[in-house]
Amino acid sequence: MKNVIYTKKELGSHRGRVLSVRETCADKDGTSYIRKGFVYLVSPVDAVPSKIPSPEIRVVKAIEQAKAIEKFMFSVKGTVYFKKNRIPFRVDYKHSLKINAVWKTHVLSSDPAALA
C-alpha cells in the first residue's frame, strides 16, 4: 500500500516556494518512509557574478542492524541566476531526499544452509 502527501507553500510576495512530498510504502518485507523537499528563494540582484559557485552535495547512509532500519539522506544546495525583462534574479535552492526503510524480521528458512 502506498500513501502520498503533497504540500506546496508560496512565500510572501512571490519570494519563493516550498514543495514537499511524503510517501509511505508498505509491503511484505518492510515499510519505507520517503520525504522529498524542494525550497526555492528568489531575490533580485544588481548583476550576475562572473563565477558562480558549484552546488554543495551531501550524501549520508546508515544501517542499524539491531533495529533493522536503513537510512539514506541526499541533499543538493546551490544558486542559479536568470534574467526576466532585463532584470537579473538569483534563485537559491535546496533539494533533499530522505529514505527510512524499516525491515520486518522473519526467518526465511527453518533448515540450516547446506554446502553443495
C-alpha atoms as a PDB file:
ATOM      1  CA  MET A   1       0.000   0.000   0.000  1.00  0.00           C
ATOM      2  CA  LYS A   2       1.286   3.453  -0.891  1.00  0.00           C
ATOM      3  CA  ASN A   3       0.257   6.704   0.793  1.00  0.00           C
ATOM      4  CA  VAL A   4       1.387  10.073  -0.699  1.00  0.00           C
ATOM      5  CA  ILE A   5       1.008  13.551   0.830  1.00  0.00           C
ATOM      6  CA  TYR A   6       1.926  16.561  -1.349  1.00  0.00           C
ATOM      7  CA  THR A   7       2.179  20.121   0.023  1.00  0.00           C
ATOM      8  CA  LYS A   8       3.031  23.417  -1.681  1.00  0.00           C
ATOM      9  CA  LYS A   9       3.572  26.793   0.013  1.00  0.00           C
ATOM     10  CA  GLU A  10       4.176  30.203  -1.532  1.00  0.00           C
ATOM     11  CA  LEU A  11       6.476  32.512   0.392  1.00  0.00           C
ATOM     12  CA  GLY A  12       5.360  36.126   0.868  1.00  0.00           C
ATOM     13  CA  SER A  13       5.123  38.439  -2.155  1.00  0.00           C
ATOM     14  CA  HIS A  14       6.374  35.820  -4.644  1.00  0.00           C
ATOM     15  CA  ARG A  15       9.777  35.472  -2.929  1.00  0.00           C
ATOM     16  CA  GLY A  16       9.861  31.719  -3.292  1.00  0.00           C
ATOM     17  CA  ARG A  17       8.195  28.358  -2.982  1.00  0.00           C
ATOM     18  CA  VAL A  18       8.424  25.304  -0.730  1.00  0.00           C
ATOM     19  CA  LEU A  19       7.322  21.909  -2.046  1.00  0.00           C
ATOM     20  CA  SER A  20       7.294  18.674  -0.080  1.00  0.00           C
ATOM     21  CA  VAL A  21       6.244  15.114  -0.781  1.00  0.00           C
ATOM     22  CA  ARG A  22       5.853  12.397   1.855  1.00  0.00           C
ATOM     23  CA  GLU A  23       5.362   8.794   0.864  1.00  0.00           C
ATOM     24  CA  THR A  24       4.804   5.645   2.890  1.00  0.00           C
ATOM     25  CA  CYS A  25       5.169   2.312   1.106  1.00  0.00           C
ATOM     26  CA  ALA A  26       4.404  -0.916   2.912  1.00  0.00           C
ATOM     27  CA  ASP A  27       4.930  -4.406   1.510  1.00  0.00           C
ATOM     28  CA  LYS A  28       5.601  -7.904   2.830  1.00  0.00           C
ATOM     29  CA  ASP A  29       9.322  -7.229   3.564  1.00  0.00           C
ATOM     30  CA  GLY A  30       9.019  -3.900   5.362  1.00  0.00           C
ATOM     31  CA  THR A  31       7.952  -0.269   5.253  1.00  0.00           C
ATOM     32  CA  SER A  32       9.678   2.657   3.501  1.00  0.00           C
ATOM     33  CA  TYR A  33       9.207   6.268   4.557  1.00  0.00           C
ATOM     34  CA  ILE A  34      10.264   8.728   1.845  1.00  0.00           C
ATOM     35  CA  ARG A  35      10.463  12.518   2.249  1.00  0.00           C
ATOM     36  CA  LYS A  36      11.326  14.845  -0.635  1.00  0.00           C
ATOM     37  CA  GLY A  37      11.765  18.578  -0.130  1.00  0.00           C
ATOM     38  CA  PHE A  38      12.314  21.430  -2.575  1.00  0.00           C
ATOM     39  CA  VAL A  39      12.939  25.013  -1.417  1.00  0.00           C
ATOM     40  CA  TYR A  40      13.371  27.968  -3.797  1.00  0.00           C
ATOM     41  CA  LEU A  41      14.095  31.563  -2.718  1.00  0.00           C
ATOM     42  CA  VAL A  42      14.125  34.323  -5.373  1.00  0.00           C
ATOM     43  CA  SER A  43      15.746  37.731  -4.941  1.00  0.00           C
ATOM     44  CA  PRO A  44      16.680  40.492  -7.416  1.00  0.00           C
ATOM     45  CA  VAL A  45      20.393  41.312  -7.782  1.00  0.00           C
ATOM     46  CA  ASP A  46      22.368  44.142  -9.385  1.00  0.00           C
ATOM     47  CA  ALA A  47      24.421  41.903 -11.693  1.00  0.00           C
ATOM     48  CA  VAL A  48      25.213  38.263 -12.331  1.00  0.00           C
ATOM     49  CA  PRO A  49      28.683  37.388 -10.943  1.00  0.00           C
ATOM     50  CA  SER A  50      31.312  36.120 -13.366  1.00  0.00           C
ATOM     51  CA  LYS A  51      31.990  32.995 -11.279  1.00  0.00           C
ATOM     52  CA  ILE A  52      29.098  31.008  -9.821  1.00  0.00           C
ATOM     53  CA  PRO A  53      29.976  28.587  -7.008  1.00  0.00           C
ATOM     54  CA  SER A  54      29.362  24.867  -7.508  1.00  0.00           C
ATOM     55  CA  PRO A  55      26.420  23.296  -5.691  1.00  0.00           C
ATOM     56  CA  GLU A  56      27.010  21.565  -2.364  1.00  0.00           C
ATOM     57  CA  ILE A  57      26.131  17.864  -2.378  1.00  0.00           C
ATOM     58  CA  ARG A  58      25.764  15.752   0.763  1.00  0.00           C
ATOM     59  CA  VAL A  59      25.096  12.010   0.959  1.00  0.00           C
ATOM     60  CA  VAL A  60      24.696  10.013   4.189  1.00  0.00           C
ATOM     61  CA  LYS A  61      23.820   6.338   4.578  1.00  0.00           C
ATOM     62  CA  ALA A  62      23.437   4.446   7.857  1.00  0.00           C
ATOM     63  CA  ILE A  63      22.313   0.940   8.752  1.00  0.00           C
ATOM     64  CA  GLU A  64      21.130  -0.062  12.228  1.00  0.00           C
ATOM     65  CA  GLN A  65      21.130  -3.863  12.154  1.00  0.00           C
ATOM     66  CA  ALA A  66      19.821  -4.255  15.704  1.00  0.00           C
ATOM     67  CA  LYS A  67      16.671  -2.247  14.872  1.00  0.00           C
ATOM     68  CA  ALA A  68      16.510  -3.412  11.206  1.00  0.00           C
ATOM     69  CA  ILE A  69      16.488   0.195   9.919  1.00  0.00           C
ATOM     70  CA  GLU A  70      18.307   1.569   6.876  1.00  0.00           C
ATOM     71  CA  LYS A  71      18.594   5.360   6.438  1.00  0.00           C
ATOM     72  CA  PHE A  72      19.630   7.323   3.353  1.00  0.00           C
ATOM     73  CA  MET A  73      19.862  11.123   3.056  1.00  0.00           C
ATOM     74  CA  PHE A  74      20.785  13.180  -0.023  1.00  0.00           C
ATOM     75  CA  SER A  75      20.774  16.962  -0.383  1.00  0.00           C
ATOM     76  CA  VAL A  76      21.844  19.488  -3.009  1.00  0.00           C
ATOM     77  CA  LYS A  77      22.177  23.182  -2.221  1.00  0.00           C
ATOM     78  CA  GLY A  78      23.120  25.854  -4.748  1.00  0.00           C
ATOM     79  CA  THR A  79      22.366  29.039  -6.648  1.00  0.00           C
ATOM     80  CA  VAL A  80      21.088  29.773 -10.161  1.00  0.00           C
ATOM     81  CA  TYR A  81      20.833  33.154 -11.909  1.00  0.00           C
ATOM     82  CA  PHE A  82      18.345  34.199 -14.595  1.00  0.00           C
ATOM     83  CA  LYS A  83      17.032  37.369 -16.241  1.00  0.00           C
ATOM     84  CA  LYS A  84      13.428  38.436 -16.701  1.00  0.00           C
ATOM     85  CA  ASN A  85      12.736  41.667 -18.597  1.00  0.00           C
ATOM     86  CA  ARG A  86      16.468  42.514 -18.370  1.00  0.00           C
ATOM     87  CA  ILE A  87      16.399  42.320 -14.561  1.00  0.00           C
ATOM     88  CA  PRO A  88      18.751  39.698 -13.078  1.00  0.00           C
ATOM     89  CA  PHE A  89      17.446  37.428 -10.322  1.00  0.00           C
ATOM     90  CA  ARG A  90      19.141  34.972  -8.000  1.00  0.00           C
ATOM     91  CA  VAL A  91      17.452  31.695  -7.045  1.00  0.00           C
ATOM     92  CA  ASP A  92      18.804  29.857  -4.001  1.00  0.00           C
ATOM     93  CA  TYR A  93      17.600  26.269  -3.947  1.00  0.00           C
ATOM     94  CA  LYS A  94      17.829  23.204  -1.737  1.00  0.00           C
ATOM     95  CA  HIS A  95      16.636  19.751  -2.760  1.00  0.00           C
ATOM     96  CA  SER A  96      16.567  16.953  -0.198  1.00  0.00           C
ATOM     97  CA  LEU A  97      15.656  13.271  -0.188  1.00  0.00           C
ATOM     98  CA  LYS A  98      15.345  11.161   2.973  1.00  0.00           C
ATOM     99  CA  ILE A  99      14.522   7.451   2.930  1.00  0.00           C
ATOM    100  CA  ASN A 100      13.996   5.321   6.031  1.00  0.00           C
ATOM    101  CA  ALA A 101      13.483   1.623   5.362  1.00  0.00           C
ATOM    102  CA  VAL A 102      12.235  -0.464   8.283  1.00  0.00           C
ATOM    103  CA  TRP A 103      12.681  -4.164   7.595  1.00  0.00           C
ATOM    104  CA  LYS A 104      10.485  -6.838   9.140  1.00  0.00           C
ATOM    105  CA  THR A 105      12.422  -9.549  10.899  1.00  0.00           C
ATOM    106  CA  HIS A 106      11.449 -13.006   9.774  1.00  0.00           C
ATOM    107  CA  VAL A 107      13.087 -16.376   9.260  1.00  0.00           C
ATOM    108  CA  LEU A 108      13.465 -17.248   5.585  1.00  0.00           C
ATOM    109  CA  SER A 109      14.316 -20.928   6.104  1.00  0.00           C
ATOM    110  CA  SER A 110      13.947 -23.261   9.081  1.00  0.00           C
ATOM    111  CA  ASP A 111      16.684 -25.642   7.849  1.00  0.00           C
ATOM    112  CA  PRO A 112      20.366 -24.710   8.179  1.00  0.00           C
ATOM    113  CA  ALA A 113      22.177 -23.911   4.956  1.00  0.00           C
ATOM    114  CA  ALA A 114      23.931 -26.831   3.299  1.00  0.00           C
ATOM    115  CA  LEU A 115      27.023 -26.596   1.147  1.00  0.00           C
ATOM    116  CA  ALA A 116      26.763 -28.168  -2.286  1.00  0.00           C
END
